[in-house]
């Protein structure tokens, strides 16, 4: 039976990578409906309900999110509407219509106080409005429990599309000879193309779960933002000096976790995924930016 798949947030980093990977659709029994806020208002229950019914949607991949982490500290209502309430509405529709839902969440549900990579069952304790809104979305989805659905938490996402750390570093390097970059926040970058491919691999596999399962995904390896910036310039052969600075030297409205390394054993084991090392992924991404 053919699968009709709705992708929300289709013009964001992950949604754009999904579009790019499926533009020459080799998924013969799959039809993708890529929507963004101009096409489908995910905060409008009746609109989403009608869309899913008309298109006979069988899977929702929710890439839509309010991702302005610092702005969310003052714009709590918008963050809550998109990251929590919209997820709740889609979950209700998914359960009623028998739709599988794949929802993208974040490492910001943790406070960064761990000393080993976070597993899915670790205690959550967000330190920002953004992190709390994403956690509220997770909990709403888990409570409603649409069939065979899953939550994927990820970290430090970048892409050839949209705004992200890699593009910011490349832009600033054209304007300055040296930059100060935080060295005391440690995690793993995630190339959105790799995550998008993994999601496509997951939807082609038979999946049965009685509860909404949570999974962690990032590229392999570990680095600080300082290491990340240094590697961007080294691979791009840009002679920009990078100076390590502390979080205290670069204050932001929202508090970031100092440690956000995610343990990916569960998602690799259950879906037989081969996840690239972060430097190899970055090299691939930089090649896409140059092309």
C-alpha atoms as a PDB file:
ATOM      1  CA  UNK A   1       0.000   0.000   0.000  1.00  0.00           C
ATOM      2  CA  UNK A   2       1.434   3.439  -0.916  1.00  0.00           C
ATOM      3  CA  UNK A   3       2.541   5.773   1.869  1.00  0.00           C
ATOM      4  CA  UNK A   4       1.502   9.401   1.867  1.00  0.00           C
ATOM      5  CA  UNK A   5       3.934  11.400   3.991  1.00  0.00           C
ATOM      6  CA  UNK A   6       3.482  14.929   5.323  1.00  0.00           C
ATOM      7  CA  UNK A   7       6.665  16.873   6.101  1.00  0.00           C
ATOM      8  CA  UNK A   8       6.128  20.045   8.142  1.00  0.00           C
ATOM      9  CA  UNK A   9       8.741  22.794   8.401  1.00  0.00           C
ATOM     10  CA  UNK A  10       9.823  21.868   4.887  1.00  0.00           C
ATOM     11  CA  UNK A  11      11.834  25.056   4.309  1.00  0.00           C
ATOM     12  CA  UNK A  12      13.973  24.647   7.431  1.00  0.00           C
ATOM     13  CA  UNK A  13      17.334  22.896   7.499  1.00  0.00           C
ATOM     14  CA  UNK A  14      16.066  19.336   7.988  1.00  0.00           C
ATOM     15  CA  UNK A  15      12.985  19.785   5.808  1.00  0.00           C
ATOM     16  CA  UNK A  16      15.107  21.209   2.995  1.00  0.00           C
ATOM     17  CA  UNK A  17      17.508  18.259   3.203  1.00  0.00           C
ATOM     18  CA  UNK A  18      14.548  15.859   3.039  1.00  0.00           C
ATOM     19  CA  UNK A  19      13.294  17.674  -0.050  1.00  0.00           C
ATOM     20  CA  UNK A  20      16.739  17.526  -1.645  1.00  0.00           C
ATOM     21  CA  UNK A  21      17.154  13.795  -0.930  1.00  0.00           C
ATOM     22  CA  UNK A  22      13.730  12.950  -2.365  1.00  0.00           C
ATOM     23  CA  UNK A  23      13.607  15.289  -5.368  1.00  0.00           C
ATOM     24  CA  UNK A  24      14.350  12.361  -7.697  1.00  0.00           C
ATOM     25  CA  UNK A  25      11.937  10.199  -5.705  1.00  0.00           C
ATOM     26  CA  UNK A  26      13.216   6.627  -5.666  1.00  0.00           C
ATOM     27  CA  UNK A  27      10.637   5.698  -3.035  1.00  0.00           C
ATOM     28  CA  UNK A  28       8.226   4.259  -5.603  1.00  0.00           C
ATOM     29  CA  UNK A  29       5.312   3.686  -3.214  1.00  0.00           C
ATOM     30  CA  UNK A  30       5.760   6.954  -1.324  1.00  0.00           C
ATOM     31  CA  UNK A  31       4.266  10.398  -1.976  1.00  0.00           C
ATOM     32  CA  UNK A  32       5.729  13.338  -0.059  1.00  0.00           C
ATOM     33  CA  UNK A  33       3.804  16.497   0.817  1.00  0.00           C
ATOM     34  CA  UNK A  34       6.273  19.189   1.838  1.00  0.00           C
ATOM     35  CA  UNK A  35       4.631  22.068   3.684  1.00  0.00           C
ATOM     36  CA  UNK A  36       5.762  25.150   5.541  1.00  0.00           C
ATOM     37  CA  UNK A  37       3.763  27.709   7.545  1.00  0.00           C
ATOM     38  CA  UNK A  38       2.588  29.411   4.328  1.00  0.00           C
ATOM     39  CA  UNK A  39       1.100  26.122   3.086  1.00  0.00           C
ATOM     40  CA  UNK A  40      -0.219  24.567   6.296  1.00  0.00           C
ATOM     41  CA  UNK A  41      -0.786  26.169   9.686  1.00  0.00           C
ATOM     42  CA  UNK A  42       0.168  23.421  12.140  1.00  0.00           C
ATOM     43  CA  UNK A  43      -1.373  25.438  14.987  1.00  0.00           C
ATOM     44  CA  UNK A  44      -4.790  25.167  13.297  1.00  0.00           C
ATOM     45  CA  UNK A  45      -6.323  21.805  14.240  1.00  0.00           C
ATOM     46  CA  UNK A  46      -9.098  21.764  11.651  1.00  0.00           C
ATOM     47  CA  UNK A  47      -6.711  22.745   8.840  1.00  0.00           C
ATOM     48  CA  UNK A  48      -4.225  19.964   9.638  1.00  0.00           C
ATOM     49  CA  UNK A  49      -7.041  17.468  10.213  1.00  0.00           C
ATOM     50  CA  UNK A  50      -8.600  18.233   6.826  1.00  0.00           C
ATOM     51  CA  UNK A  51      -5.234  18.113   5.042  1.00  0.00           C
ATOM     52  CA  UNK A  52      -4.329  14.715   6.505  1.00  0.00           C
ATOM     53  CA  UNK A  53      -7.746  13.296   5.659  1.00  0.00           C
ATOM     54  CA  UNK A  54      -7.797  14.631   2.098  1.00  0.00           C
ATOM     55  CA  UNK A  55      -4.245  13.486   1.295  1.00  0.00           C
ATOM     56  CA  UNK A  56      -4.665  10.154   3.150  1.00  0.00           C
ATOM     57  CA  UNK A  57      -1.523  10.857   5.185  1.00  0.00           C
ATOM     58  CA  UNK A  58       0.078   7.805   6.813  1.00  0.00           C
ATOM     59  CA  UNK A  59       3.216   9.434   8.264  1.00  0.00           C
ATOM     60  CA  UNK A  60       3.897  12.919   9.640  1.00  0.00           C
ATOM     61  CA  UNK A  61       7.537  14.008   9.873  1.00  0.00           C
ATOM     62  CA  UNK A  62       7.410  17.103  12.055  1.00  0.00           C
ATOM     63  CA  UNK A  63      10.453  19.251  11.281  1.00  0.00           C
ATOM     64  CA  UNK A  64       8.650  22.479  12.200  1.00  0.00           C
ATOM     65  CA  UNK A  65       9.973  24.253  15.289  1.00  0.00           C
ATOM     66  CA  UNK A  66      10.493  27.611  16.942  1.00  0.00           C
ATOM     67  CA  UNK A  67      14.301  27.563  17.067  1.00  0.00           C
ATOM     68  CA  UNK A  68      15.200  31.150  18.051  1.00  0.00           C
ATOM     69  CA  UNK A  69      16.620  30.012  21.396  1.00  0.00           C
ATOM     70  CA  UNK A  70      17.436  33.448  22.823  1.00  0.00           C
ATOM     71  CA  UNK A  71      14.334  35.151  21.432  1.00  0.00           C
ATOM     72  CA  UNK A  72      12.175  32.491  23.083  1.00  0.00           C
ATOM     73  CA  UNK A  73      13.150  33.849  26.500  1.00  0.00           C
ATOM     74  CA  UNK A  74      10.896  36.836  25.781  1.00  0.00           C
ATOM     75  CA  UNK A  75       8.570  35.271  23.218  1.00  0.00           C
ATOM     76  CA  UNK A  76       7.430  32.352  25.364  1.00  0.00           C
ATOM     77  CA  UNK A  77       3.950  32.273  23.824  1.00  0.00           C
ATOM     78  CA  UNK A  78       5.192  31.659  20.264  1.00  0.00           C
ATOM     79  CA  UNK A  79       7.699  29.012  21.371  1.00  0.00           C
ATOM     80  CA  UNK A  80       4.991  27.214  23.332  1.00  0.00           C
ATOM     81  CA  UNK A  81       2.498  27.427  20.462  1.00  0.00           C
ATOM     82  CA  UNK A  82       4.814  25.856  17.884  1.00  0.00           C
ATOM     83  CA  UNK A  83       7.004  23.542  19.992  1.00  0.00           C
ATOM     84  CA  UNK A  84       4.320  22.305  22.371  1.00  0.00           C
ATOM     85  CA  UNK A  85       0.705  22.981  21.364  1.00  0.00           C
ATOM     86  CA  UNK A  86       1.159  22.289  17.629  1.00  0.00           C
ATOM     87  CA  UNK A  87       2.813  18.969  18.504  1.00  0.00           C
ATOM     88  CA  UNK A  88      -0.122  18.178  20.798  1.00  0.00           C
ATOM     89  CA  UNK A  89      -2.640  18.969  18.034  1.00  0.00           C
ATOM     90  CA  UNK A  90      -0.785  16.878  15.438  1.00  0.00           C
ATOM     91  CA  UNK A  91      -0.493  14.000  17.909  1.00  0.00           C
ATOM     92  CA  UNK A  92      -4.253  14.036  18.478  1.00  0.00           C
ATOM     93  CA  UNK A  93      -4.904  14.009  14.725  1.00  0.00           C
ATOM     94  CA  UNK A  94      -2.314  11.261  14.212  1.00  0.00           C
ATOM     95  CA  UNK A  95      -3.968   9.080  16.851  1.00  0.00           C
ATOM     96  CA  UNK A  96      -7.483   9.640  15.488  1.00  0.00           C
ATOM     97  CA  UNK A  97      -6.475   8.948  11.885  1.00  0.00           C
ATOM     98  CA  UNK A  98      -3.985   6.135  12.582  1.00  0.00           C
ATOM     99  CA  UNK A  99      -0.950   8.133  11.418  1.00  0.00           C
ATOM    100  CA  UNK A 100       2.643   7.393  12.428  1.00  0.00           C
ATOM    101  CA  UNK A 101       4.414  10.524  13.667  1.00  0.00           C
ATOM    102  CA  UNK A 102       8.140  11.261  13.720  1.00  0.00           C
ATOM    103  CA  UNK A 103       8.861  14.357  15.790  1.00  0.00           C
ATOM    104  CA  UNK A 104      12.232  16.137  16.023  1.00  0.00           C
ATOM    105  CA  UNK A 105      13.306  17.335  19.465  1.00  0.00           C
ATOM    106  CA  UNK A 106      16.509  18.625  21.040  1.00  0.00           C
ATOM    107  CA  UNK A 107      19.391  18.080  23.448  1.00  0.00           C
ATOM    108  CA  UNK A 108      18.194  21.262  25.222  1.00  0.00           C
ATOM    109  CA  UNK A 109      15.747  19.131  27.232  1.00  0.00           C
ATOM    110  CA  UNK A 110      18.826  18.323  29.359  1.00  0.00           C
ATOM    111  CA  UNK A 111      20.664  20.730  31.661  1.00  0.00           C
ATOM    112  CA  UNK A 112      24.151  19.666  30.559  1.00  0.00           C
ATOM    113  CA  UNK A 113      25.315  18.475  33.983  1.00  0.00           C
ATOM    114  CA  UNK A 114      26.063  14.897  32.878  1.00  0.00           C
ATOM    115  CA  UNK A 115      29.577  13.464  32.714  1.00  0.00           C
ATOM    116  CA  UNK A 116      28.701  10.716  30.199  1.00  0.00           C
ATOM    117  CA  UNK A 117      26.694  10.789  26.958  1.00  0.00           C
ATOM    118  CA  UNK A 118      22.970  11.184  27.584  1.00  0.00           C
ATOM    119  CA  UNK A 119      20.755   8.131  27.085  1.00  0.00           C
ATOM    120  CA  UNK A 120      17.069   8.479  26.324  1.00  0.00           C
ATOM    121  CA  UNK A 121      16.009   7.629  29.892  1.00  0.00           C
ATOM    122  CA  UNK A 122      18.209  10.232  31.606  1.00  0.00           C
ATOM    123  CA  UNK A 123      16.527  12.884  33.733  1.00  0.00           C
ATOM    124  CA  UNK A 124      15.377  15.905  31.747  1.00  0.00           C
ATOM    125  CA  UNK A 125      15.819  19.388  33.174  1.00  0.00           C
ATOM    126  CA  UNK A 126      15.714  22.177  30.561  1.00  0.00           C
ATOM    127  CA  UNK A 127      17.352  25.482  31.481  1.00  0.00           C
ATOM    128  CA  UNK A 128      15.712  27.632  28.782  1.00  0.00           C
ATOM    129  CA  UNK A 129      12.218  28.495  27.543  1.00  0.00           C
ATOM    130  CA  UNK A 130      13.088  26.854  24.229  1.00  0.00           C
ATOM    131  CA  UNK A 131      14.165  23.628  25.948  1.00  0.00           C
ATOM    132  CA  UNK A 132      11.055  23.600  28.138  1.00  0.00           C
ATOM    133  CA  UNK A 133       8.744  24.147  25.173  1.00  0.00           C
ATOM    134  CA  UNK A 134      10.355  21.247  23.312  1.00  0.00           C
ATOM    135  CA  UNK A 135      10.046  19.018  26.375  1.00  0.00           C
ATOM    136  CA  UNK A 136       6.377  19.987  26.746  1.00  0.00           C
ATOM    137  CA  UNK A 137       5.871  18.917  23.117  1.00  0.00           C
ATOM    138  CA  UNK A 138       7.545  15.565  23.805  1.00  0.00           C
ATOM    139  CA  UNK A 139       5.370  14.956  26.862  1.00  0.00           C
ATOM    140  CA  UNK A 140       2.149  15.874  25.055  1.00  0.00           C
ATOM    141  CA  UNK A 141       2.987  13.441  22.264  1.00  0.00           C
ATOM    142  CA  UNK A 142       3.875  10.665  24.720  1.00  0.00           C
ATOM    143  CA  UNK A 143       0.637  11.184  26.640  1.00  0.00           C
ATOM    144  CA  UNK A 144      -1.545  11.085  23.511  1.00  0.00           C
ATOM    145  CA  UNK A 145       0.492   8.233  22.049  1.00  0.00           C
ATOM    146  CA  UNK A 146      -0.192   8.163  18.292  1.00  0.00           C
ATOM    147  CA  UNK A 147       0.480   4.664  16.875  1.00  0.00           C
ATOM    148  CA  UNK A 148       4.069   3.514  16.254  1.00  0.00           C
ATOM    149  CA  UNK A 149       5.433   7.022  16.654  1.00  0.00           C
ATOM    150  CA  UNK A 150       8.861   8.232  17.726  1.00  0.00           C
ATOM    151  CA  UNK A 151      10.722  11.284  18.957  1.00  0.00           C
ATOM    152  CA  UNK A 152      14.265  11.968  17.742  1.00  0.00           C
ATOM    153  CA  UNK A 153      16.370  14.313  19.860  1.00  0.00           C
ATOM    154  CA  UNK A 154      19.272  15.886  18.041  1.00  0.00           C
ATOM    155  CA  UNK A 155      21.942  18.559  18.597  1.00  0.00           C
ATOM    156  CA  UNK A 156      23.948  21.341  16.920  1.00  0.00           C
ATOM    157  CA  UNK A 157      22.176  21.032  13.569  1.00  0.00           C
ATOM    158  CA  UNK A 158      23.693  22.584  10.448  1.00  0.00           C
ATOM    159  CA  UNK A 159      23.063  22.250   6.731  1.00  0.00           C
ATOM    160  CA  UNK A 160      23.703  23.661   3.286  1.00  0.00           C
ATOM    161  CA  UNK A 161      20.286  25.301   3.764  1.00  0.00           C
ATOM    162  CA  UNK A 162      19.125  27.970   6.202  1.00  0.00           C
ATOM    163  CA  UNK A 163      21.081  29.778   8.910  1.00  0.00           C
ATOM    164  CA  UNK A 164      23.484  27.854  11.124  1.00  0.00           C
ATOM    165  CA  UNK A 165      26.850  27.905  12.884  1.00  0.00           C
ATOM    166  CA  UNK A 166      28.847  26.739   9.850  1.00  0.00           C
ATOM    167  CA  UNK A 167      27.468  29.488   7.617  1.00  0.00           C
ATOM    168  CA  UNK A 168      27.931  32.080  10.361  1.00  0.00           C
ATOM    169  CA  UNK A 169      31.590  31.150  10.815  1.00  0.00           C
ATOM    170  CA  UNK A 170      32.244  31.275   7.066  1.00  0.00           C
ATOM    171  CA  UNK A 171      30.562  34.692   6.845  1.00  0.00           C
ATOM    172  CA  UNK A 172      32.436  36.158   9.819  1.00  0.00           C
ATOM    173  CA  UNK A 173      35.757  34.838   8.540  1.00  0.00           C
ATOM    174  CA  UNK A 174      35.333  37.074   5.471  1.00  0.00           C
ATOM    175  CA  UNK A 175      34.960  40.103   7.739  1.00  0.00           C
ATOM    176  CA  UNK A 176      37.542  39.418  10.458  1.00  0.00           C
ATOM    177  CA  UNK A 177      41.033  38.011  10.885  1.00  0.00           C
ATOM    178  CA  UNK A 178      40.234  36.346  14.200  1.00  0.00           C
ATOM    179  CA  UNK A 179      37.205  35.186  16.183  1.00  0.00           C
ATOM    180  CA  UNK A 180      36.473  34.219  19.769  1.00  0.00           C
ATOM    181  CA  UNK A 181      34.504  30.967  20.043  1.00  0.00           C
ATOM    182  CA  UNK A 182      33.252  29.165  23.158  1.00  0.00           C
ATOM    183  CA  UNK A 183      35.344  26.175  24.215  1.00  0.00           C
ATOM    184  CA  UNK A 184      33.520  25.095  27.408  1.00  0.00           C
ATOM    185  CA  UNK A 185      30.325  23.830  25.744  1.00  0.00           C
ATOM    186  CA  UNK A 186      30.821  20.311  24.438  1.00  0.00           C
ATOM    187  CA  UNK A 187      28.590  18.251  22.154  1.00  0.00           C
ATOM    188  CA  UNK A 188      28.363  16.852  18.651  1.00  0.00           C
ATOM    189  CA  UNK A 189      27.375  18.635  15.434  1.00  0.00           C
ATOM    190  CA  UNK A 190      24.602  17.069  13.353  1.00  0.00           C
ATOM    191  CA  UNK A 191      24.624  17.411   9.581  1.00  0.00           C
ATOM    192  CA  UNK A 192      20.926  17.679   8.708  1.00  0.00           C
ATOM    193  CA  UNK A 193      21.480  15.672   5.518  1.00  0.00           C
ATOM    194  CA  UNK A 194      22.632  12.654   7.560  1.00  0.00           C
ATOM    195  CA  UNK A 195      19.647  12.948   9.911  1.00  0.00           C
ATOM    196  CA  UNK A 196      17.288  13.315   6.941  1.00  0.00           C
ATOM    197  CA  UNK A 197      18.675  10.157   5.331  1.00  0.00           C
ATOM    198  CA  UNK A 198      18.299   8.268   8.601  1.00  0.00           C
ATOM    199  CA  UNK A 199      14.655   9.350   8.867  1.00  0.00           C
ATOM    200  CA  UNK A 200      14.037   8.142   5.309  1.00  0.00           C
ATOM    201  CA  UNK A 201      15.673   4.814   6.223  1.00  0.00           C
ATOM    202  CA  UNK A 202      13.480   4.539   9.324  1.00  0.00           C
ATOM    203  CA  UNK A 203      10.179   5.079   7.472  1.00  0.00           C
ATOM    204  CA  UNK A 204      10.976   2.238   5.051  1.00  0.00           C
ATOM    205  CA  UNK A 205      11.320  -0.247   7.916  1.00  0.00           C
ATOM    206  CA  UNK A 206       8.560  -2.075   9.741  1.00  0.00           C
ATOM    207  CA  UNK A 207       8.123  -0.441  13.121  1.00  0.00           C
ATOM    208  CA  UNK A 208       5.773  -1.444  15.910  1.00  0.00           C
ATOM    209  CA  UNK A 209       5.794   0.169  19.331  1.00  0.00           C
ATOM    210  CA  UNK A 210       3.073   0.361  21.957  1.00  0.00           C
ATOM    211  CA  UNK A 211       4.430   3.648  23.355  1.00  0.00           C
ATOM    212  CA  UNK A 212       6.041   6.702  21.781  1.00  0.00           C
ATOM    213  CA  UNK A 213       9.734   5.818  21.782  1.00  0.00           C
ATOM    214  CA  UNK A 214      12.501   8.409  22.205  1.00  0.00           C
ATOM    215  CA  UNK A 215      15.779   8.165  20.274  1.00  0.00           C
ATOM    216  CA  UNK A 216      18.978  10.210  20.182  1.00  0.00           C
ATOM    217  CA  UNK A 217      20.747  11.184  16.961  1.00  0.00           C
ATOM    218  CA  UNK A 218      23.801  13.265  16.104  1.00  0.00           C
ATOM    219  CA  UNK A 219      26.916  12.572  14.114  1.00  0.00           C
ATOM    220  CA  UNK A 220      29.624  10.478  15.786  1.00  0.00           C
ATOM    221  CA  UNK A 221      32.396  11.997  17.896  1.00  0.00           C
ATOM    222  CA  UNK A 222      32.745  14.927  20.272  1.00  0.00           C
ATOM    223  CA  UNK A 223      33.905  18.553  20.035  1.00  0.00           C
ATOM    224  CA  UNK A 224      33.466  22.025  21.487  1.00  0.00           C
ATOM    225  CA  UNK A 225      32.185  24.992  19.485  1.00  0.00           C
ATOM    226  CA  UNK A 226      35.830  26.137  19.378  1.00  0.00           C
ATOM    227  CA  UNK A 227      36.938  22.809  17.857  1.00  0.00           C
ATOM    228  CA  UNK A 228      34.030  22.966  15.439  1.00  0.00           C
ATOM    229  CA  UNK A 229      35.028  26.452  14.231  1.00  0.00           C
ATOM    230  CA  UNK A 230      38.714  25.509  13.940  1.00  0.00           C
ATOM    231  CA  UNK A 231      37.802  22.495  11.795  1.00  0.00           C
ATOM    232  CA  UNK A 232      35.484  24.539   9.561  1.00  0.00           C
ATOM    233  CA  UNK A 233      38.366  26.910   8.753  1.00  0.00           C
ATOM    234  CA  UNK A 234      40.957  24.146   8.377  1.00  0.00           C
ATOM    235  CA  UNK A 235      38.803  22.175   5.933  1.00  0.00           C
ATOM    236  CA  UNK A 236      37.928  25.367   4.044  1.00  0.00           C
ATOM    237  CA  UNK A 237      41.575  26.523   4.078  1.00  0.00           C
ATOM    238  CA  UNK A 238      40.571  29.862   5.596  1.00  0.00           C
ATOM    239  CA  UNK A 239      43.348  31.600   7.572  1.00  0.00           C
ATOM    240  CA  UNK A 240      41.130  32.927  10.361  1.00  0.00           C
ATOM    241  CA  UNK A 241      42.510  32.673  13.886  1.00  0.00           C
ATOM    242  CA  UNK A 242      40.123  31.169  16.458  1.00  0.00           C
ATOM    243  CA  UNK A 243      40.553  32.120  20.116  1.00  0.00           C
ATOM    244  CA  UNK A 244      38.940  30.000  22.846  1.00  0.00           C
ATOM    245  CA  UNK A 245      36.572  31.912  25.150  1.00  0.00           C
ATOM    246  CA  UNK A 246      34.341  30.862  28.055  1.00  0.00           C
ATOM    247  CA  UNK A 247      30.554  30.933  28.190  1.00  0.00           C
ATOM    248  CA  UNK A 248      30.823  33.789  30.701  1.00  0.00           C
ATOM    249  CA  UNK A 249      32.713  35.858  28.126  1.00  0.00           C
ATOM    250  CA  UNK A 250      29.841  35.475  25.652  1.00  0.00           C
ATOM    251  CA  UNK A 251      26.610  35.877  27.687  1.00  0.00           C
ATOM    252  CA  UNK A 252      23.287  35.054  26.016  1.00  0.00           C
ATOM    253  CA  UNK A 253      19.670  35.452  27.216  1.00  0.00           C
ATOM    254  CA  UNK A 254      19.133  31.664  27.179  1.00  0.00           C
ATOM    255  CA  UNK A 255      21.362  29.329  29.152  1.00  0.00           C
ATOM    256  CA  UNK A 256      22.960  26.589  27.046  1.00  0.00           C
ATOM    257  CA  UNK A 257      23.922  23.125  28.325  1.00  0.00           C
ATOM    258  CA  UNK A 258      27.682  22.806  28.882  1.00  0.00           C
ATOM    259  CA  UNK A 259      27.544  19.120  27.951  1.00  0.00           C
ATOM    260  CA  UNK A 260      25.190  17.798  25.293  1.00  0.00           C
ATOM    261  CA  UNK A 261      26.697  14.598  23.978  1.00  0.00           C
ATOM    262  CA  UNK A 262      23.976  12.130  22.999  1.00  0.00           C
ATOM    263  CA  UNK A 263      24.335   8.352  23.199  1.00  0.00           C
ATOM    264  CA  UNK A 264      23.106   6.958  19.875  1.00  0.00           C
ATOM    265  CA  UNK A 265      23.305   3.229  20.671  1.00  0.00           C
ATOM    266  CA  UNK A 266      19.530   2.725  20.703  1.00  0.00           C
ATOM    267  CA  UNK A 267      18.738   4.258  17.308  1.00  0.00           C
ATOM    268  CA  UNK A 268      21.738   2.544  15.662  1.00  0.00           C
ATOM    269  CA  UNK A 269      20.779  -0.831  17.110  1.00  0.00           C
ATOM    270  CA  UNK A 270      17.048  -0.737  16.409  1.00  0.00           C
ATOM    271  CA  UNK A 271      17.221   0.725  12.898  1.00  0.00           C
ATOM    272  CA  UNK A 272      20.648  -0.587  11.816  1.00  0.00           C
ATOM    273  CA  UNK A 273      21.954   2.913  11.065  1.00  0.00           C
ATOM    274  CA  UNK A 274      25.524   3.766  10.082  1.00  0.00           C
ATOM    275  CA  UNK A 275      26.168   7.302  11.383  1.00  0.00           C
ATOM    276  CA  UNK A 276      29.086   9.316   9.909  1.00  0.00           C
ATOM    277  CA  UNK A 277      31.841  10.899  12.027  1.00  0.00           C
ATOM    278  CA  UNK A 278      31.245  14.643  12.464  1.00  0.00           C
ATOM    279  CA  UNK A 279      34.414  15.755  10.616  1.00  0.00           C
ATOM    280  CA  UNK A 280      33.561  13.574   7.615  1.00  0.00           C
ATOM    281  CA  UNK A 281      30.011  14.956   7.626  1.00  0.00           C
ATOM    282  CA  UNK A 282      31.335  18.520   7.822  1.00  0.00           C
ATOM    283  CA  UNK A 283      33.629  17.903   4.855  1.00  0.00           C
ATOM    284  CA  UNK A 284      30.622  16.686   2.856  1.00  0.00           C
ATOM    285  CA  UNK A 285      28.563  19.724   3.893  1.00  0.00           C
ATOM    286  CA  UNK A 286      31.308  22.186   2.966  1.00  0.00           C
ATOM    287  CA  UNK A 287      31.509  20.535  -0.450  1.00  0.00           C
ATOM    288  CA  UNK A 288      27.761  21.145  -0.889  1.00  0.00           C
ATOM    289  CA  UNK A 289      28.162  24.791   0.084  1.00  0.00           C
ATOM    290  CA  UNK A 290      30.919  25.272  -2.492  1.00  0.00           C
ATOM    291  CA  UNK A 291      29.020  23.488  -5.262  1.00  0.00           C
END
